[in-house]
Amino acid sequence: MRTALLAVLALGAVTACGPSRRGPAFGTPREFTAQEQEGRVLFMRNCNMCHPGGSGGLGPSINNKPLPSAAMRVQIRQGVGSMPAFTDEMLNDAQVDAIIAYLNEMQEEKG
């Protein structure tokens, strides 16, 4: 009897604590252009390990440092500090453009 009463009370507490239905999901689904999507894939493959999600990791955060595209290109190609340089053999110009387009889009969302 006591166990049944506790079970009923526990069930009531669990169901009474939450809303009867869930609200909408947080955020809106992202729709990237084809170039931005390619940039996202390339970023995840080449940059995310040091700049996870654009935040600081082994490398500094790049989400809060909006740079002109030309400056980003120089950083990618020449490397800065401990950041390696990405040569034409590693990333061609179209791939660098795609990464820059992705970063610009992500910075616009954060801003």
PDB file of N, CA and C in Angstrom:
ATOM      1  N   MET A   1       0.829  -1.189   0.000  1.00  0.00           N
ATOM      2  CA  MET A   1       0.000   0.000   0.000  1.00  0.00           C
ATOM      3  C   MET A   1       0.869   1.246   0.000  1.00  0.00           C
ATOM      4  N   ARG A   2       1.830   1.232   0.889  1.00  0.00           N
ATOM      5  CA  ARG A   2       2.719   2.382   0.992  1.00  0.00           C
ATOM      6  C   ARG A   2       3.518   2.568  -0.294  1.00  0.00           C
ATOM      7  N   THR A   3       3.990   1.480  -0.892  1.00  0.00           N
ATOM      8  CA  THR A   3       4.752   1.542  -2.130  1.00  0.00           C
ATOM      9  C   THR A   3       3.894   2.073  -3.265  1.00  0.00           C
ATOM     10  N   ALA A   4       2.637   1.631  -3.320  1.00  0.00           N
ATOM     11  CA  ALA A   4       1.728   2.107  -4.363  1.00  0.00           C
ATOM     12  C   ALA A   4       1.470   3.601  -4.214  1.00  0.00           C
ATOM     13  N   LEU A   5       1.325   4.065  -2.993  1.00  0.00           N
ATOM     14  CA  LEU A   5       1.091   5.483  -2.732  1.00  0.00           C
ATOM     15  C   LEU A   5       2.302   6.311  -3.149  1.00  0.00           C
ATOM     16  N   LEU A   6       3.490   5.835  -2.823  1.00  0.00           N
ATOM     17  CA  LEU A   6       4.709   6.534  -3.217  1.00  0.00           C
ATOM     18  C   LEU A   6       4.855   6.574  -4.742  1.00  0.00           C
ATOM     19  N   ALA A   7       4.509   5.486  -5.392  1.00  0.00           N
ATOM     20  CA  ALA A   7       4.590   5.438  -6.852  1.00  0.00           C
ATOM     21  C   ALA A   7       3.642   6.446  -7.484  1.00  0.00           C
ATOM     22  N   VAL A   8       2.418   6.547  -6.954  1.00  0.00           N
ATOM     23  CA  VAL A   8       1.444   7.503  -7.474  1.00  0.00           C
ATOM     24  C   VAL A   8       1.922   8.928  -7.243  1.00  0.00           C
ATOM     25  N   LEU A   9       2.463   9.205  -6.054  1.00  0.00           N
ATOM     26  CA  LEU A   9       2.978  10.542  -5.759  1.00  0.00           C
ATOM     27  C   LEU A   9       4.165  10.894  -6.656  1.00  0.00           C
ATOM     28  N   ALA A  10       5.051   9.946  -6.882  1.00  0.00           N
ATOM     29  CA  ALA A  10       6.207  10.176  -7.744  1.00  0.00           C
ATOM     30  C   ALA A  10       5.765  10.434  -9.184  1.00  0.00           C
ATOM     31  N   LEU A  11       4.809   9.663  -9.655  1.00  0.00           N
ATOM     32  CA  LEU A  11       4.295   9.860 -11.006  1.00  0.00           C
ATOM     33  C   LEU A  11       3.644  11.234 -11.135  1.00  0.00           C
ATOM     34  N   GLY A  12       2.892  11.633 -10.124  1.00  0.00           N
ATOM     35  CA  GLY A  12       2.255  12.956 -10.142  1.00  0.00           C
ATOM     36  C   GLY A  12       3.281  14.066 -10.137  1.00  0.00           C
ATOM     37  N   ALA A  13       4.355  13.909  -9.371  1.00  0.00           N
ATOM     38  CA  ALA A  13       5.400  14.936  -9.314  1.00  0.00           C
ATOM     39  C   ALA A  13       6.116  15.060 -10.650  1.00  0.00           C
ATOM     40  N   VAL A  14       6.382  13.936 -11.274  1.00  0.00           N
ATOM     41  CA  VAL A  14       7.086  13.958 -12.559  1.00  0.00           C
ATOM     42  C   VAL A  14       6.231  14.611 -13.636  1.00  0.00           C
ATOM     43  N   THR A  15       4.978  14.263 -13.709  1.00  0.00           N
ATOM     44  CA  THR A  15       4.124  14.810 -14.771  1.00  0.00           C
ATOM     45  C   THR A  15       3.676  16.229 -14.473  1.00  0.00           C
ATOM     46  N   ALA A  16       3.621  16.615 -13.223  1.00  0.00           N
ATOM     47  CA  ALA A  16       3.163  17.958 -12.876  1.00  0.00           C
ATOM     48  C   ALA A  16       4.262  19.000 -13.032  1.00  0.00           C
ATOM     49  N   CYS A  17       5.510  18.598 -13.069  1.00  0.00           N
ATOM     50  CA  CYS A  17       6.619  19.553 -13.112  1.00  0.00           C
ATOM     51  C   CYS A  17       6.842  20.152 -14.492  1.00  0.00           C
ATOM     52  N   GLY A  18       6.479  19.483 -15.519  1.00  0.00           N
ATOM     53  CA  GLY A  18       6.765  19.969 -16.864  1.00  0.00           C
ATOM     54  C   GLY A  18       5.526  20.464 -17.565  1.00  0.00           C
ATOM     55  N   PRO A  19       5.723  21.217 -18.638  1.00  0.00           N
ATOM     56  CA  PRO A  19       4.572  21.684 -19.399  1.00  0.00           C
ATOM     57  C   PRO A  19       3.901  20.522 -20.113  1.00  0.00           C
ATOM     58  N   SER A  20       2.637  20.712 -20.464  1.00  0.00           N
ATOM     59  CA  SER A  20       1.911  19.640 -21.128  1.00  0.00           C
ATOM     60  C   SER A  20       2.434  19.404 -22.539  1.00  0.00           C
ATOM     61  N   ARG A  21       2.999  20.441 -23.158  1.00  0.00           N
ATOM     62  CA  ARG A  21       3.636  20.235 -24.464  1.00  0.00           C
ATOM     63  C   ARG A  21       4.888  21.078 -24.519  1.00  0.00           C
ATOM     64  N   ARG A  22       5.791  20.693 -25.381  1.00  0.00           N
ATOM     65  CA  ARG A  22       7.060  21.403 -25.477  1.00  0.00           C
ATOM     66  C   ARG A  22       6.911  22.608 -26.376  1.00  0.00           C
ATOM     67  N   GLY A  23       7.702  23.621 -26.088  1.00  0.00           N
ATOM     68  CA  GLY A  23       7.731  24.816 -26.924  1.00  0.00           C
ATOM     69  C   GLY A  23       8.589  24.581 -28.156  1.00  0.00           C
ATOM     70  N   PRO A  24       8.730  25.599 -28.970  1.00  0.00           N
ATOM     71  CA  PRO A  24       9.551  25.458 -30.162  1.00  0.00           C
ATOM     72  C   PRO A  24      11.014  25.256 -29.800  1.00  0.00           C
ATOM     73  N   ALA A  25      11.754  24.646 -30.699  1.00  0.00           N
ATOM     74  CA  ALA A  25      13.177  24.421 -30.478  1.00  0.00           C
ATOM     75  C   ALA A  25      13.913  25.754 -30.441  1.00  0.00           C
ATOM     76  N   PHE A  26      15.017  25.787 -29.709  1.00  0.00           N
ATOM     77  CA  PHE A  26      15.828  26.995 -29.642  1.00  0.00           C
ATOM     78  C   PHE A  26      16.505  27.243 -30.981  1.00  0.00           C
ATOM     79  N   GLY A  27      16.577  28.502 -31.385  1.00  0.00           N
ATOM     80  CA  GLY A  27      17.266  28.854 -32.615  1.00  0.00           C
ATOM     81  C   GLY A  27      16.486  28.454 -33.851  1.00  0.00           C
ATOM     82  N   THR A  28      16.925  28.960 -34.932  1.00  0.00           N
ATOM     83  CA  THR A  28      16.315  28.615 -36.203  1.00  0.00           C
ATOM     84  C   THR A  28      17.281  27.734 -36.978  1.00  0.00           C
ATOM     85  N   PRO A  29      16.768  26.807 -37.722  1.00  0.00           N
ATOM     86  CA  PRO A  29      17.677  25.975 -38.521  1.00  0.00           C
ATOM     87  C   PRO A  29      18.488  26.850 -39.472  1.00  0.00           C
ATOM     88  N   ARG A  30      19.764  26.541 -39.576  1.00  0.00           N
ATOM     89  CA  ARG A  30      20.652  27.297 -40.443  1.00  0.00           C
ATOM     90  C   ARG A  30      20.471  26.876 -41.882  1.00  0.00           C
ATOM     91  N   GLU A  31      20.450  27.851 -42.753  1.00  0.00           N
ATOM     92  CA  GLU A  31      20.460  27.576 -44.186  1.00  0.00           C
ATOM     93  C   GLU A  31      21.689  28.249 -44.760  1.00  0.00           C
ATOM     94  N   PHE A  32      22.687  27.446 -45.081  1.00  0.00           N
ATOM     95  CA  PHE A  32      23.922  27.954 -45.643  1.00  0.00           C
ATOM     96  C   PHE A  32      23.849  27.918 -47.163  1.00  0.00           C
ATOM     97  N   THR A  33      24.532  28.857 -47.805  1.00  0.00           N
ATOM     98  CA  THR A  33      24.709  28.759 -49.248  1.00  0.00           C
ATOM     99  C   THR A  33      25.619  27.571 -49.510  1.00  0.00           C
ATOM    100  N   ALA A  34      25.725  27.161 -50.751  1.00  0.00           N
ATOM    101  CA  ALA A  34      26.602  26.035 -51.090  1.00  0.00           C
ATOM    102  C   ALA A  34      28.046  26.348 -50.704  1.00  0.00           C
ATOM    103  N   GLN A  35      28.469  27.584 -50.939  1.00  0.00           N
ATOM    104  CA  GLN A  35      29.847  27.975 -50.598  1.00  0.00           C
ATOM    105  C   GLN A  35      30.056  27.954 -49.084  1.00  0.00           C
ATOM    106  N   GLU A  36      29.091  28.476 -48.325  1.00  0.00           N
ATOM    107  CA  GLU A  36      29.206  28.475 -46.872  1.00  0.00           C
ATOM    108  C   GLU A  36      29.198  27.050 -46.314  1.00  0.00           C
ATOM    109  N   GLN A  37      28.392  26.185 -46.896  1.00  0.00           N
ATOM    110  CA  GLN A  37      28.361  24.786 -46.456  1.00  0.00           C
ATOM    111  C   GLN A  37      29.703  24.121 -46.720  1.00  0.00           C
ATOM    112  N   GLU A  38      30.289  24.373 -47.888  1.00  0.00           N
ATOM    113  CA  GLU A  38      31.625  23.830 -48.171  1.00  0.00           C
ATOM    114  C   GLU A  38      32.627  24.393 -47.164  1.00  0.00           C
ATOM    115  N   GLY A  39      32.521  25.687 -46.875  1.00  0.00           N
ATOM    116  CA  GLY A  39      33.410  26.317 -45.901  1.00  0.00           C
ATOM    117  C   GLY A  39      33.256  25.710 -44.521  1.00  0.00           C
ATOM    118  N   ARG A  40      32.025  25.382 -44.153  1.00  0.00           N
ATOM    119  CA  ARG A  40      31.765  24.743 -42.860  1.00  0.00           C
ATOM    120  C   ARG A  40      32.467  23.395 -42.780  1.00  0.00           C
ATOM    121  N   VAL A  41      32.345  22.601 -43.830  1.00  0.00           N
ATOM    122  CA  VAL A  41      32.994  21.288 -43.863  1.00  0.00           C
ATOM    123  C   VAL A  41      34.510  21.451 -43.788  1.00  0.00           C
ATOM    124  N   LEU A  42      35.054  22.383 -44.569  1.00  0.00           N
ATOM    125  CA  LEU A  42      36.500  22.617 -44.562  1.00  0.00           C
ATOM    126  C   LEU A  42      36.973  23.149 -43.211  1.00  0.00           C
ATOM    127  N   PHE A  43      36.171  24.038 -42.599  1.00  0.00           N
ATOM    128  CA  PHE A  43      36.518  24.557 -41.274  1.00  0.00           C
ATOM    129  C   PHE A  43      36.581  23.419 -40.274  1.00  0.00           C
ATOM    130  N   MET A  44      35.563  22.548 -40.286  1.00  0.00           N
ATOM    131  CA  MET A  44      35.539  21.429 -39.339  1.00  0.00           C
ATOM    132  C   MET A  44      36.739  20.503 -39.555  1.00  0.00           C
ATOM    133  N   ARG A  45      37.137  20.337 -40.781  1.00  0.00           N
ATOM    134  CA  ARG A  45      38.238  19.437 -41.107  1.00  0.00           C
ATOM    135  C   ARG A  45      39.603  20.053 -40.775  1.00  0.00           C
ATOM    136  N   ASN A  46      39.760  21.367 -40.981  1.00  0.00           N
ATOM    137  CA  ASN A  46      41.081  21.975 -40.898  1.00  0.00           C
ATOM    138  C   ASN A  46      41.285  22.948 -39.732  1.00  0.00           C
ATOM    139  N   CYS A  47      40.217  23.507 -39.205  1.00  0.00           N
ATOM    140  CA  CYS A  47      40.358  24.599 -38.240  1.00  0.00           C
ATOM    141  C   CYS A  47      39.746  24.299 -36.875  1.00  0.00           C
ATOM    142  N   ASN A  48      38.686  23.504 -36.861  1.00  0.00           N
ATOM    143  CA  ASN A  48      37.902  23.298 -35.650  1.00  0.00           C
ATOM    144  C   ASN A  48      38.714  22.697 -34.508  1.00  0.00           C
ATOM    145  N   MET A  49      39.737  21.904 -34.820  1.00  0.00           N
ATOM    146  CA  MET A  49      40.503  21.279 -33.741  1.00  0.00           C
ATOM    147  C   MET A  49      41.225  22.322 -32.877  1.00  0.00           C
ATOM    148  N   CYS A  50      41.569  23.479 -33.448  1.00  0.00           N
ATOM    149  CA  CYS A  50      42.233  24.534 -32.675  1.00  0.00           C
ATOM    150  C   CYS A  50      41.285  25.673 -32.303  1.00  0.00           C
ATOM    151  N   HIS A  51      40.228  25.844 -33.081  1.00  0.00           N
ATOM    152  CA  HIS A  51      39.218  26.890 -32.839  1.00  0.00           C
ATOM    153  C   HIS A  51      37.844  26.221 -32.764  1.00  0.00           C
ATOM    154  N   PRO A  52      37.581  25.414 -31.722  1.00  0.00           N
ATOM    155  CA  PRO A  52      36.334  24.640 -31.677  1.00  0.00           C
ATOM    156  C   PRO A  52      35.086  25.529 -31.744  1.00  0.00           C
ATOM    157  N   GLY A  53      34.333  25.333 -32.810  1.00  0.00           N
ATOM    158  CA  GLY A  53      33.130  26.136 -33.011  1.00  0.00           C
ATOM    159  C   GLY A  53      33.421  27.616 -33.170  1.00  0.00           C
ATOM    160  N   GLY A  54      34.667  27.966 -33.474  1.00  0.00           N
ATOM    161  CA  GLY A  54      35.073  29.356 -33.594  1.00  0.00           C
ATOM    162  C   GLY A  54      35.498  29.961 -32.268  1.00  0.00           C
ATOM    163  N   SER A  55      35.388  29.184 -31.193  1.00  0.00           N
ATOM    164  CA  SER A  55      35.788  29.654 -29.864  1.00  0.00           C
ATOM    165  C   SER A  55      37.262  29.351 -29.633  1.00  0.00           C
ATOM    166  N   GLY A  56      37.760  29.812 -28.502  1.00  0.00           N
ATOM    167  CA  GLY A  56      39.141  29.552 -28.156  1.00  0.00           C
ATOM    168  C   GLY A  56      39.363  28.100 -27.788  1.00  0.00           C
ATOM    169  N   GLY A  57      40.505  27.602 -28.144  1.00  0.00           N
ATOM    170  CA  GLY A  57      40.933  26.242 -27.825  1.00  0.00           C
ATOM    171  C   GLY A  57      42.443  26.293 -27.783  1.00  0.00           C
ATOM    172  N   LEU A  58      43.091  25.510 -28.626  1.00  0.00           N
ATOM    173  CA  LEU A  58      44.537  25.663 -28.792  1.00  0.00           C
ATOM    174  C   LEU A  58      44.843  27.020 -29.412  1.00  0.00           C
ATOM    175  N   GLY A  59      43.958  27.459 -30.297  1.00  0.00           N
ATOM    176  CA  GLY A  59      44.072  28.784 -30.903  1.00  0.00           C
ATOM    177  C   GLY A  59      43.065  29.723 -30.260  1.00  0.00           C
ATOM    178  N   PRO A  60      43.194  31.016 -30.537  1.00  0.00           N
ATOM    179  CA  PRO A  60      42.264  31.978 -29.929  1.00  0.00           C
ATOM    180  C   PRO A  60      40.870  31.899 -30.547  1.00  0.00           C
ATOM    181  N   SER A  61      39.923  32.502 -29.871  1.00  0.00           N
ATOM    182  CA  SER A  61      38.572  32.603 -30.411  1.00  0.00           C
ATOM    183  C   SER A  61      38.602  33.459 -31.666  1.00  0.00           C
ATOM    184  N   ILE A  62      37.878  33.030 -32.679  1.00  0.00           N
ATOM    185  CA  ILE A  62      37.771  33.846 -33.893  1.00  0.00           C
ATOM    186  C   ILE A  62      36.348  34.347 -34.088  1.00  0.00           C
ATOM    187  N   ASN A  63      35.444  33.959 -33.196  1.00  0.00           N
ATOM    188  CA  ASN A  63      34.060  34.434 -33.276  1.00  0.00           C
ATOM    189  C   ASN A  63      33.941  35.908 -32.935  1.00  0.00           C
ATOM    190  N   ASN A  64      34.773  36.374 -32.025  1.00  0.00           N
ATOM    191  CA  ASN A  64      34.638  37.742 -31.553  1.00  0.00           C
ATOM    192  C   ASN A  64      35.678  38.680 -32.157  1.00  0.00           C
ATOM    193  N   LYS A  65      36.303  38.258 -33.245  1.00  0.00           N
ATOM    194  CA  LYS A  65      37.313  39.076 -33.897  1.00  0.00           C
ATOM    195  C   LYS A  65      36.993  39.228 -35.381  1.00  0.00           C
ATOM    196  N   PRO A  66      35.965  40.004 -35.692  1.00  0.00           N
ATOM    197  CA  PRO A  66      35.642  40.153 -37.113  1.00  0.00           C
ATOM    198  C   PRO A  66      36.793  40.844 -37.844  1.00  0.00           C
ATOM    199  N   LEU A  67      37.242  40.216 -38.886  1.00  0.00           N
ATOM    200  CA  LEU A  67      38.329  40.746 -39.702  1.00  0.00           C
ATOM    201  C   LEU A  67      37.861  40.881 -41.134  1.00  0.00           C
ATOM    202  N   PRO A  68      38.453  41.820 -41.869  1.00  0.00           N
ATOM    203  CA  PRO A  68      38.153  41.862 -43.304  1.00  0.00           C
ATOM    204  C   PRO A  68      38.599  40.548 -43.960  1.00  0.00           C
ATOM    205  N   SER A  69      37.923  40.196 -45.007  1.00  0.00           N
ATOM    206  CA  SER A  69      38.233  38.934 -45.695  1.00  0.00           C
ATOM    207  C   SER A  69      39.696  38.864 -46.113  1.00  0.00           C
ATOM    208  N   ALA A  70      40.263  39.981 -46.541  1.00  0.00           N
ATOM    209  CA  ALA A  70      41.673  39.989 -46.969  1.00  0.00           C
ATOM    210  C   ALA A  70      42.589  39.620 -45.802  1.00  0.00           C
ATOM    211  N   ALA A  71      42.284  40.107 -44.605  1.00  0.00           N
ATOM    212  CA  ALA A  71      43.104  39.785 -43.434  1.00  0.00           C
ATOM    213  C   ALA A  71      42.974  38.302 -43.070  1.00  0.00           C
ATOM    214  N   MET A  72      41.748  37.761 -43.189  1.00  0.00           N
ATOM    215  CA  MET A  72      41.565  36.331 -42.918  1.00  0.00           C
ATOM    216  C   MET A  72      42.364  35.503 -43.911  1.00  0.00           C
ATOM    217  N   ARG A  73      42.361  35.922 -45.172  1.00  0.00           N
ATOM    218  CA  ARG A  73      43.108  35.195 -46.207  1.00  0.00           C
ATOM    219  C   ARG A  73      44.594  35.174 -45.868  1.00  0.00           C
ATOM    220  N   VAL A  74      45.139  36.310 -45.442  1.00  0.00           N
ATOM    221  CA  VAL A  74      46.561  36.381 -45.083  1.00  0.00           C
ATOM    222  C   VAL A  74      46.846  35.455 -43.904  1.00  0.00           C
ATOM    223  N   GLN A  75      45.980  35.475 -42.901  1.00  0.00           N
ATOM    224  CA  GLN A  75      46.195  34.597 -41.750  1.00  0.00           C
ATOM    225  C   GLN A  75      46.163  33.129 -42.151  1.00  0.00           C
ATOM    226  N   ILE A  76      45.240  32.763 -43.020  1.00  0.00           N
ATOM    227  CA  ILE A  76      45.151  31.361 -43.458  1.00  0.00           C
ATOM    228  C   ILE A  76      46.380  30.985 -44.271  1.00  0.00           C
ATOM    229  N   ARG A  77      46.778  31.838 -45.191  1.00  0.00           N
ATOM    230  CA  ARG A  77      47.891  31.519 -46.083  1.00  0.00           C
ATOM    231  C   ARG A  77      49.259  31.629 -45.409  1.00  0.00           C
ATOM    232  N   GLN A  78      49.462  32.638 -44.563  1.00  0.00           N
ATOM    233  CA  GLN A  78      50.773  32.881 -43.970  1.00  0.00           C
ATOM    234  C   GLN A  78      50.942  32.253 -42.594  1.00  0.00           C
ATOM    235  N   GLY A  79      49.817  32.012 -41.913  1.00  0.00           N
ATOM    236  CA  GLY A  79      49.899  31.543 -40.537  1.00  0.00           C
ATOM    237  C   GLY A  79      50.228  32.726 -39.635  1.00  0.00           C
ATOM    238  N   VAL A  80      49.827  32.650 -38.398  1.00  0.00           N
ATOM    239  CA  VAL A  80      50.092  33.719 -37.440  1.00  0.00           C
ATOM    240  C   VAL A  80      50.460  33.059 -36.123  1.00  0.00           C
ATOM    241  N   GLY A  81      51.580  33.444 -35.538  1.00  0.00           N
ATOM    242  CA  GLY A  81      52.000  32.824 -34.283  1.00  0.00           C
ATOM    243  C   GLY A  81      52.156  31.326 -34.456  1.00  0.00           C
ATOM    244  N   SER A  82      51.442  30.556 -33.663  1.00  0.00           N
ATOM    245  CA  SER A  82      51.554  29.098 -33.755  1.00  0.00           C
ATOM    246  C   SER A  82      50.611  28.497 -34.801  1.00  0.00           C
ATOM    247  N   MET A  83      49.802  29.358 -35.434  1.00  0.00           N
ATOM    248  CA  MET A  83      48.895  28.852 -36.476  1.00  0.00           C
ATOM    249  C   MET A  83      49.715  28.477 -37.712  1.00  0.00           C
ATOM    250  N   PRO A  84      49.490  27.288 -38.236  1.00  0.00           N
ATOM    251  CA  PRO A  84      50.236  26.898 -39.442  1.00  0.00           C
ATOM    252  C   PRO A  84      49.728  27.643 -40.672  1.00  0.00           C
ATOM    253  N   ALA A  85      50.608  27.780 -41.636  1.00  0.00           N
ATOM    254  CA  ALA A  85      50.213  28.331 -42.932  1.00  0.00           C
ATOM    255  C   ALA A  85      49.575  27.218 -43.746  1.00  0.00           C
ATOM    256  N   PHE A  86      48.500  27.537 -44.461  1.00  0.00           N
ATOM    257  CA  PHE A  86      47.833  26.564 -45.323  1.00  0.00           C
ATOM    258  C   PHE A  86      48.196  26.913 -46.769  1.00  0.00           C
ATOM    259  N   THR A  87      49.022  26.089 -47.364  1.00  0.00           N
ATOM    260  CA  THR A  87      49.507  26.334 -48.720  1.00  0.00           C
ATOM    261  C   THR A  87      48.432  26.012 -49.751  1.00  0.00           C
ATOM    262  N   ASP A  88      48.719  26.359 -51.005  1.00  0.00           N
ATOM    263  CA  ASP A  88      47.800  26.052 -52.107  1.00  0.00           C
ATOM    264  C   ASP A  88      47.563  24.551 -52.233  1.00  0.00           C
ATOM    265  N   GLU A  89      48.559  23.764 -51.876  1.00  0.00           N
ATOM    266  CA  GLU A  89      48.406  22.311 -51.959  1.00  0.00           C
ATOM    267  C   GLU A  89      47.464  21.792 -50.873  1.00  0.00           C
ATOM    268  N   MET A  90      47.391  22.503 -49.758  1.00  0.00           N
ATOM    269  CA  MET A  90      46.517  22.085 -48.658  1.00  0.00           C
ATOM    270  C   MET A  90      45.086  22.567 -48.874  1.00  0.00           C
ATOM    271  N   LEU A  91      44.942  23.822 -49.256  1.00  0.00           N
ATOM    272  CA  LEU A  91      43.637  24.442 -49.534  1.00  0.00           C
ATOM    273  C   LEU A  91      43.796  25.325 -50.758  1.00  0.00           C
ATOM    274  N   ASN A  92      42.990  25.088 -51.781  1.00  0.00           N
ATOM    275  CA  ASN A  92      43.076  25.967 -52.947  1.00  0.00           C
ATOM    276  C   ASN A  92      42.331  27.273 -52.661  1.00  0.00           C
ATOM    277  N   ASP A  93      42.438  28.237 -53.576  1.00  0.00           N
ATOM    278  CA  ASP A  93      41.832  29.555 -53.348  1.00  0.00           C
ATOM    279  C   ASP A  93      40.317  29.478 -53.151  1.00  0.00           C
ATOM    280  N   ALA A  94      39.641  28.625 -53.916  1.00  0.00           N
ATOM    281  CA  ALA A  94      38.185  28.488 -53.772  1.00  0.00           C
ATOM    282  C   ALA A  94      37.832  27.940 -52.385  1.00  0.00           C
ATOM    283  N   GLN A  95      38.643  27.044 -51.866  1.00  0.00           N
ATOM    284  CA  GLN A  95      38.398  26.496 -50.537  1.00  0.00           C
ATOM    285  C   GLN A  95      38.632  27.543 -49.453  1.00  0.00           C
ATOM    286  N   VAL A  96      39.667  28.361 -49.620  1.00  0.00           N
ATOM    287  CA  VAL A  96      39.905  29.458 -48.666  1.00  0.00           C
ATOM    288  C   VAL A  96      38.737  30.430 -48.714  1.00  0.00           C
ATOM    289  N   ASP A  97      38.262  30.753 -49.931  1.00  0.00           N
ATOM    290  CA  ASP A  97      37.099  31.642 -50.068  1.00  0.00           C
ATOM    291  C   ASP A  97      35.878  31.063 -49.346  1.00  0.00           C
ATOM    292  N   ALA A  98      35.701  29.749 -49.439  1.00  0.00           N
ATOM    293  CA  ALA A  98      34.560  29.100 -48.796  1.00  0.00           C
ATOM    294  C   ALA A  98      34.672  29.188 -47.273  1.00  0.00           C
ATOM    295  N   ILE A  99      35.856  28.973 -46.728  1.00  0.00           N
ATOM    296  CA  ILE A  99      36.052  29.091 -45.274  1.00  0.00           C
ATOM    297  C   ILE A  99      35.764  30.514 -44.828  1.00  0.00           C
ATOM    298  N   ILE A 100      36.251  31.492 -45.586  1.00  0.00           N
ATOM    299  CA  ILE A 100      36.018  32.899 -45.243  1.00  0.00           C
ATOM    300  C   ILE A 100      34.528  33.228 -45.309  1.00  0.00           C
ATOM    301  N   ALA A 101      33.831  32.719 -46.318  1.00  0.00           N
ATOM    302  CA  ALA A 101      32.380  32.952 -46.415  1.00  0.00           C
ATOM    303  C   ALA A 101      31.660  32.356 -45.211  1.00  0.00           C
ATOM    304  N   TYR A 102      32.059  31.166 -44.801  1.00  0.00           N
ATOM    305  CA  TYR A 102      31.455  30.528 -43.625  1.00  0.00           C
ATOM    306  C   TYR A 102      31.726  31.348 -42.367  1.00  0.00           C
ATOM    307  N   LEU A 103      32.973  31.782 -42.173  1.00  0.00           N
ATOM    308  CA  LEU A 103      33.306  32.576 -40.988  1.00  0.00           C
ATOM    309  C   LEU A 103      32.550  33.896 -40.973  1.00  0.00           C
ATOM    310  N   ASN A 104      32.435  34.539 -42.122  1.00  0.00           N
ATOM    311  CA  ASN A 104      31.686  35.801 -42.190  1.00  0.00           C
ATOM    312  C   ASN A 104      30.223  35.581 -41.820  1.00  0.00           C
ATOM    313  N   GLU A 105      29.642  34.511 -42.308  1.00  0.00           N
ATOM    314  CA  GLU A 105      28.247  34.209 -41.986  1.00  0.00           C
ATOM    315  C   GLU A 105      28.082  33.927 -40.497  1.00  0.00           C
ATOM    316  N   MET A 106      28.994  33.191 -39.922  1.00  0.00           N
ATOM    317  CA  MET A 106      28.919  32.879 -38.500  1.00  0.00           C
ATOM    318  C   MET A 106      29.092  34.135 -37.651  1.00  0.00           C
ATOM    319  N   GLN A 107      29.958  35.032 -38.069  1.00  0.00           N
ATOM    320  CA  GLN A 107      30.161  36.271 -37.309  1.00  0.00           C
ATOM    321  C   GLN A 107      28.942  37.168 -37.418  1.00  0.00           C
ATOM    322  N   GLU A 108      28.274  37.170 -38.571  1.00  0.00           N
ATOM    323  CA  GLU A 108      27.049  37.958 -38.720  1.00  0.00           C
ATOM    324  C   GLU A 108      25.974  37.461 -37.769  1.00  0.00           C
ATOM    325  N   GLU A 109      25.883  36.137 -37.593  1.00  0.00           N
ATOM    326  CA  GLU A 109      24.883  35.569 -36.687  1.00  0.00           C
ATOM    327  C   GLU A 109      25.182  35.943 -35.248  1.00  0.00           C
ATOM    328  N   LYS A 110      26.457  35.949 -34.871  1.00  0.00           N
ATOM    329  CA  LYS A 110      26.848  36.263 -33.485  1.00  0.00           C
ATOM    330  C   LYS A 110      26.601  37.735 -33.178  1.00  0.00           C
ATOM    331  N   GLY A 111      26.790  38.588 -34.196  1.00  0.00           N
ATOM    332  CA  GLY A 111      26.706  40.028 -33.993  1.00  0.00           C
ATOM    333  C   GLY A 111      25.342  40.460 -33.747  1.00  0.00           C
TER     334      GLY A 111
END
